[in-house]
Amino acid sequence: MARKSLLLRFDERIHKELRHWASDELRSVNAQIEFLLRQAVMQRRGKDPLADFNPTEADSNPTEADSNPTEEGEDLEA
């Protein structure tokens, strides 16, 4: 999975709380932030953004699903 770098600036008190929270859950601060963002996406979208990720399919043809005109349940040989 490709990883993106991101610079975050926030209050040092927030960082302190994140550091303690991460430590309590045996994570790095970076992993804790990623965990929290993933949880927020799941709550907002109703699904895990990484659940169906398949890097070989995504790299081979990223628009294959979008370009298939058949609907689910249609017979392809008709």
Protein backbone atom coordinates (compact mmCIF):
# COMPACT_ATOMS: atom_id res chain seq x y z
CA MET A 1 0.00 0.00 0.00
CA ALA A 2 1.35 3.41 -0.92
CA ARG A 3 1.87 5.70 2.05
CA LYS A 4 1.55 9.47 1.91
CA SER A 5 3.57 11.85 4.05
CA LEU A 6 1.79 14.75 5.71
CA LEU A 7 2.99 17.56 7.90
CA LEU A 8 0.59 18.32 10.75
CA ARG A 9 0.74 21.33 13.01
CA PHE A 10 -1.31 21.36 16.17
CA ASP A 11 -1.16 22.57 19.73
CA GLU A 12 1.49 20.88 21.87
CA ARG A 13 -1.20 19.98 24.46
CA ILE A 14 -3.00 17.94 21.79
CA HIS A 15 0.28 16.24 20.92
CA LYS A 16 0.86 15.42 24.59
CA GLU A 17 -2.61 13.86 24.87
CA LEU A 18 -2.11 11.90 21.64
CA ARG A 19 1.27 10.69 22.88
CA HIS A 20 -0.24 9.43 26.15
CA TRP A 21 -3.22 7.86 24.38
CA ALA A 22 -0.94 6.16 21.86
CA SER A 23 1.28 4.88 24.65
CA ASP A 24 -1.73 3.46 26.50
CA GLU A 25 -2.70 1.53 23.36
CA LEU A 26 0.89 0.51 22.51
CA ARG A 27 0.99 2.56 19.31
CA SER A 28 3.22 5.30 17.97
CA VAL A 29 1.70 8.77 17.72
CA ASN A 30 1.65 8.37 13.94
CA ALA A 31 -0.17 5.03 14.17
CA GLN A 32 -2.62 6.53 16.67
CA ILE A 33 -3.45 9.42 14.35
CA GLU A 34 -3.89 7.01 11.43
CA PHE A 35 -6.12 4.79 13.61
CA LEU A 36 -8.27 7.75 14.65
CA LEU A 37 -8.61 9.02 11.08
CA ARG A 38 -9.57 5.55 9.87
CA GLN A 39 -12.19 5.29 12.63
CA ALA A 40 -13.59 8.69 11.61
CA VAL A 41 -13.83 7.62 7.97
CA MET A 42 -15.58 4.39 8.97
CA GLN A 43 -18.04 6.33 11.11
CA ARG A 44 -18.75 8.86 8.37
CA ARG A 45 -18.80 6.50 5.38
CA GLY A 46 -20.03 3.34 7.10
CA LYS A 47 -17.18 1.19 5.81
CA ASP A 48 -13.49 0.58 6.35
CA PRO A 49 -11.54 2.37 3.58
CA LEU A 50 -8.87 -0.36 3.60
CA ALA A 51 -11.12 -3.44 3.86
CA ASP A 52 -11.33 -4.23 0.14
CA PHE A 53 -7.98 -2.81 -0.91
CA ASN A 54 -6.11 -5.10 -3.32
CA PRO A 55 -2.91 -3.39 -4.53
CA THR A 56 -2.38 -5.71 -7.51
CA GLU A 57 -5.86 -5.03 -8.88
CA ALA A 58 -5.64 -1.32 -8.16
CA ASP A 59 -2.27 -1.00 -9.89
CA SER A 60 -3.17 -3.14 -12.92
CA ASN A 61 -6.34 -1.33 -14.01
CA PRO A 62 -7.78 1.32 -11.70
CA THR A 63 -10.82 2.05 -13.90
CA GLU A 64 -11.80 -1.51 -14.78
CA ALA A 65 -14.83 -1.54 -12.44
CA ASP A 66 -15.99 1.84 -13.74
CA SER A 67 -15.72 0.86 -17.40
CA ASN A 68 -17.74 -2.38 -17.12
CA PRO A 69 -21.22 -1.56 -18.49
CA THR A 70 -22.93 -4.69 -17.14
CA GLU A 71 -25.11 -4.51 -14.07
CA GLU A 72 -24.88 -7.01 -11.23
CA GLY A 73 -26.81 -10.15 -12.03
CA GLU A 74 -26.84 -9.60 -15.82
CA ASP A 75 -26.00 -12.58 -18.00
CA LEU A 76 -22.83 -11.77 -19.95
CA GLU A 77 -23.54 -14.34 -22.67
CA ALA A 78 -27.02 -13.09 -23.58
